[in-house]
Protein backbone atom coordinates (compact mmCIF):
# COMPACT_ATOMS: atom_id res chain seq x y z
CA TYR A 1 -0.02 -0.05 -0.01
CA TYR A 2 2.77 2.43 0.89
CA THR A 3 5.06 1.74 -2.02
CA GLY A 4 2.40 1.37 -4.67
CA HIS A 5 3.85 -2.11 -5.61
CA LEU A 6 2.79 -5.65 -4.85
CA ARG A 7 5.61 -8.26 -5.28
CA LEU A 8 4.78 -11.91 -5.40
CA PRO A 9 6.88 -14.91 -6.46
CA GLU A 10 6.01 -16.84 -9.59
CA VAL A 11 4.07 -19.46 -7.58
CA ASN A 12 1.92 -17.90 -4.88
CA GLY A 13 -1.48 -18.12 -3.37
CA ALA A 14 -3.16 -16.10 -6.15
CA SER A 15 -1.60 -18.07 -8.96
CA ASP A 16 -2.57 -21.39 -7.29
CA GLY A 17 -6.19 -20.22 -7.07
CA VAL A 18 -6.27 -19.15 -10.72
CA LEU A 19 -4.76 -22.40 -11.88
CA LEU A 20 -7.29 -24.51 -9.92
CA VAL A 21 -10.17 -22.38 -11.29
CA MET A 22 -8.92 -22.94 -14.80
CA ILE A 23 -8.52 -26.74 -14.30
CA PHE A 24 -12.07 -27.02 -12.78
CA SER A 25 -13.64 -24.76 -15.38
CA ILE A 26 -12.16 -26.86 -18.28
CA ILE A 27 -13.37 -30.04 -16.60
CA CYS A 28 -16.84 -28.44 -16.09
CA VAL A 29 -17.19 -27.50 -19.78
CA PHE A 30 -15.64 -30.60 -21.49
CA GLN A 31 -16.23 -33.39 -18.89
CA PRO A 32 -19.14 -32.39 -16.59
CA GLY A 33 -19.48 -35.84 -15.17
CA PHE A 34 -15.82 -36.30 -14.38
CA TRP A 35 -15.95 -36.07 -10.57
CA VAL A 36 -18.99 -38.37 -10.17
CA GLN A 37 -17.30 -41.39 -11.84
CA SER A 38 -15.57 -43.93 -9.61
CA PHE A 39 -11.85 -44.41 -9.25
CA GLY A 40 -12.33 -47.77 -11.03
CA GLU A 41 -14.07 -46.17 -13.96
CA PHE A 42 -11.38 -43.43 -14.20
CA ALA A 43 -8.41 -45.84 -14.25
CA PRO A 44 -9.42 -49.46 -14.27
CA SER A 45 -5.94 -50.85 -14.66
CA LEU A 46 -4.75 -48.89 -11.61
CA PHE A 47 -7.64 -49.26 -9.17
CA ALA A 48 -9.51 -52.43 -10.17
CA GLY A 49 -9.89 -54.81 -7.28
CA THR A 50 -8.92 -52.23 -4.64
CA TRP A 51 -11.03 -50.80 -1.84
CA ILE A 52 -11.10 -47.47 -3.54
CA ALA A 53 -12.36 -48.75 -6.95
CA ASN A 54 -16.04 -48.04 -6.16
CA GLN A 55 -15.40 -44.62 -4.49
CA PRO A 56 -16.43 -41.50 -6.50
CA LEU A 57 -13.64 -39.48 -7.78
CA HIS A 58 -14.66 -36.38 -5.80
CA ASN A 59 -13.47 -38.25 -2.68
CA PHE A 60 -9.97 -37.25 -4.01
CA CYS A 61 -10.70 -33.86 -2.39
CA PHE A 62 -11.22 -35.73 0.92
CA TYR A 63 -8.09 -37.96 0.72
CA SER A 64 -5.72 -35.36 -0.75
CA GLY A 65 -6.13 -33.18 2.32
CA TYR A 66 -4.26 -35.72 4.39
CA PHE A 67 -1.17 -35.41 2.08
CA GLY A 68 -0.81 -31.83 3.15
CA LEU A 69 -2.22 -32.10 6.65
CA ILE A 70 0.02 -34.90 7.99
CA PRO A 71 3.51 -33.44 7.11
CA THR A 72 2.34 -29.98 8.13
CA LEU A 73 1.12 -31.20 11.50
CA TRP A 74 4.30 -33.22 12.01
CA SER A 75 6.61 -30.30 11.21
CA ASN A 76 4.73 -28.09 13.61
CA ILE A 77 4.91 -30.62 16.41
CA ARG A 78 8.67 -30.97 15.90
CA MET A 79 9.08 -27.16 15.89
CA VAL A 80 7.15 -26.83 19.20
CA ALA A 81 9.02 -29.77 20.72
CA ASN A 82 12.42 -28.36 19.73
CA ASN A 83 11.66 -24.83 20.95
CA ARG A 84 10.05 -25.39 24.33
CA LYS A 85 11.66 -22.17 25.53
CA TYR A 86 9.36 -20.18 23.21
CA TYR A 87 6.34 -22.49 22.91
CA ASN A 88 4.09 -24.16 25.44
CA GLU A 89 3.23 -27.75 24.28
CA GLU A 90 -0.01 -27.93 26.07
CA ASN A 91 -1.27 -24.56 24.78
CA SER A 92 -0.24 -25.47 21.31
CA ALA A 93 -2.14 -28.76 21.62
CA VAL A 94 -5.27 -27.11 22.84
CA LYS A 95 -5.27 -24.74 19.82
CA LEU A 96 -5.65 -27.75 17.60
CA MET A 97 -8.69 -29.07 19.38
CA PRO A 98 -11.25 -27.19 17.14
CA PHE A 99 -9.69 -28.66 14.05
CA PHE A 100 -9.80 -32.19 15.42
CA ILE A 101 -13.41 -31.70 16.44
CA LEU A 102 -14.33 -30.35 13.02
CA HIS A 103 -12.60 -33.15 11.23
CA GLY A 104 -14.21 -35.77 13.42
CA LEU A 105 -17.63 -34.27 12.79
CA ALA A 106 -17.07 -34.28 8.99
CA VAL A 107 -15.83 -37.88 9.02
CA MET A 108 -18.68 -39.16 11.23
CA TRP A 109 -21.37 -37.47 9.17
CA ALA A 110 -19.93 -38.64 5.86
CA VAL A 111 -19.32 -42.28 6.94
CA PHE A 112 -22.42 -43.02 9.15
CA SER A 113 -25.03 -40.89 7.48
CA PRO A 114 -28.20 -42.95 6.93
CA THR A 115 -28.96 -40.99 3.76
CA GLN A 116 -25.33 -40.93 2.51
CA ILE A 117 -25.49 -37.18 2.62
CA TYR A 118 -21.88 -36.64 1.44
CA TYR A 119 -22.47 -38.70 -1.76
CA ALA A 120 -25.80 -36.90 -2.31
CA HIS A 121 -24.52 -33.36 -1.92
CA PRO A 122 -20.70 -33.54 -2.01
CA ARG A 123 -20.15 -29.87 -2.87
CA LEU A 124 -22.61 -28.55 -0.27
CA PHE A 125 -21.01 -30.90 2.35
CA ILE A 126 -17.42 -29.74 1.57
CA LEU A 127 -18.47 -26.12 1.50
CA SER A 128 -20.29 -26.12 4.76
CA PHE A 129 -17.18 -27.49 6.59
CA GLY A 130 -14.77 -25.49 4.39
CA PHE A 131 -16.30 -22.17 5.43
CA LEU A 132 -16.10 -23.13 9.00
CA PHE A 133 -12.54 -24.36 8.78
CA GLY A 134 -11.49 -21.12 7.04
CA ASN A 135 -13.21 -19.11 9.78
CA ILE A 136 -11.40 -20.89 12.57
CA VAL A 137 -8.07 -20.63 10.77
CA CYS A 138 -8.46 -16.96 10.10
CA LYS A 139 -9.25 -16.30 13.82
CA LEU A 140 -6.21 -18.24 14.86
CA MET A 141 -4.05 -16.21 12.44
CA LEU A 142 -5.64 -12.92 13.62
CA SER A 143 -4.91 -13.77 17.25
CA HIS A 144 -1.25 -14.43 16.44
CA LEU A 145 -1.08 -11.22 14.28
CA CYS A 146 -2.61 -9.01 17.10
CA HIS A 147 -0.95 -10.91 19.95
CA GLU A 148 -4.28 -11.72 21.50
CA SER A 149 -5.27 -14.89 23.36
CA TYR A 150 -6.92 -17.58 21.20
CA LYS A 151 -10.11 -19.09 22.51
CA PRO A 152 -9.92 -22.74 21.19
CA PHE A 153 -13.52 -23.86 21.95
CA ARG A 154 -15.47 -21.87 19.33
CA ILE A 155 -19.23 -21.42 19.55
CA VAL A 156 -19.37 -21.66 15.77
CA LEU A 157 -18.89 -25.41 16.01
CA ILE A 158 -22.26 -25.85 17.83
CA PRO A 159 -24.54 -25.88 14.68
CA HIS A 160 -22.38 -28.53 13.03
CA ILE A 161 -22.37 -30.59 16.24
CA LEU A 162 -26.21 -30.40 16.45
CA ALA A 163 -26.56 -31.24 12.72
CA VAL A 164 -24.28 -34.31 13.12
CA LEU A 165 -26.08 -35.53 16.32
CA ASN A 166 -29.39 -35.00 14.54
CA ALA A 167 -28.37 -36.92 11.49
CA LEU A 168 -26.97 -39.86 13.46
CA LEU A 169 -29.93 -40.21 15.82
CA PRO A 170 -30.94 -43.44 13.92
CA VAL A 171 -27.38 -44.73 14.48
CA PHE A 172 -27.23 -44.04 18.13
CA VAL A 173 -30.82 -44.98 18.88
CA PRO A 174 -32.21 -47.49 16.34
CA GLY A 175 -35.73 -46.76 15.28
CA LEU A 176 -35.46 -43.05 16.10
CA GLU A 177 -35.78 -40.68 13.20
CA PRO A 178 -33.84 -37.34 12.85
CA LEU A 179 -35.72 -34.29 14.09
CA ILE A 180 -35.26 -32.62 10.79
CA SER A 181 -34.03 -34.01 7.45
CA GLU A 182 -30.32 -34.33 6.80
CA GLU A 183 -30.64 -32.25 3.63
CA LEU A 184 -32.32 -29.40 5.43
CA SER A 185 -29.72 -29.44 8.24
CA LEU A 186 -26.96 -29.41 5.73
CA TYR A 187 -28.40 -26.25 4.05
CA ILE A 188 -28.78 -24.62 7.53
CA VAL A 189 -25.15 -25.21 8.56
CA LEU A 190 -23.94 -24.19 5.10
CA ALA A 191 -25.80 -20.93 5.31
CA PHE A 192 -24.63 -20.37 9.00
CA SER A 193 -21.05 -21.03 8.05
CA PHE A 194 -21.09 -18.82 4.99
CA PHE A 195 -22.71 -15.71 6.65
CA ASN A 196 -20.70 -16.14 9.90
CA HIS A 197 -17.45 -16.21 7.84
CA LEU A 198 -18.64 -13.26 5.67
CA HIS A 199 -19.54 -11.19 8.75
CA PHE A 200 -16.14 -11.88 10.23
CA ALA A 201 -14.30 -10.99 7.08
CA VAL A 202 -16.17 -7.75 6.59
CA SER A 203 -15.83 -6.74 10.22
CA VAL A 204 -12.01 -7.34 10.28
CA VAL A 205 -11.50 -5.45 7.01
CA LEU A 206 -13.54 -2.45 8.14
CA GLU A 207 -11.75 -2.40 11.51
CA LEU A 208 -8.30 -2.55 10.06
CA THR A 209 -8.94 0.04 7.38
CA LYS A 210 -10.26 2.39 10.09
CA ILE A 211 -7.22 1.75 12.34
CA LEU A 212 -4.72 2.18 9.44
CA GLY A 213 -6.56 5.02 7.71
CA ILE A 214 -6.62 3.18 4.39
CA ARG A 215 -9.15 1.94 1.90
CA ALA A 216 -9.84 -1.71 1.23
CA PHE A 217 -8.89 -3.19 -2.18
CA TYR A 218 -7.12 0.03 -3.18
CA VAL A 219 -3.43 0.68 -3.91
CA LYS A 220 -2.17 4.16 -4.27
CA LYS A 221 -0.78 5.15 -7.72
C-alpha cells in the first residue's frame, strides 16, 4: 500500500487459485461428469480390485487433504518440541482441538449418514465444513497477528455438532428418526457457516482500514 507495488513470487496463493479455477472450469465444460465417476471407471488398470475402486472421484478432495495435513502437523509438532523455551506444548495442543473436532464431525457425518449425505451433496457438504474451517483458521491467524489470546472452543462449532447429532440419531438409537431431514440441516449449517465467515471478514477489513486509515482493495498510484 505504501510503495504502490505488490511483489509476489512466480508461484503464490493467487496463482494457485487461478490455476485451480482454470482446471475445474475446463473439466466443467468438457467433462461435466468427471468427478462423479468412480476411481475404477477413471483408471481401471490402476484401481481395479482395490477398496477405492467404487469410491467416487470427488473423494479425492477428501483424501488429498491428508497429504498436506500430516506433514504440516508433524513439522509443527517438531518445531514446538524443539523450541520449548518459546512455545508451550499444552497450549499449542489445545489450539488444535477445534480442528480435530471439526474433522471428526465431518468424517462421522460422511461415513455414518443414513442417507449418505456426502455422496448426495458432496459440494454442499465440503463447502459447509470448508467455510467453518476457514473461519477458525483466520481467527487463529488474527490472534497471532494481534498478539491476543486464542479461544480454542469456538461457539461456531455448535450448529455442526447439532446437525451431526441430529443426522446420526438413527445410528445411536435404532428406530429413532432425525428431528429434521439431513438435507435441510446441511443447508442450515452451510448458510450459517457462510454468513458467519462473511460477517467476520467484513468486520475485520472495516476495523483494520479504520485503524490504518486506508481503503480496502485500493493501492495508491
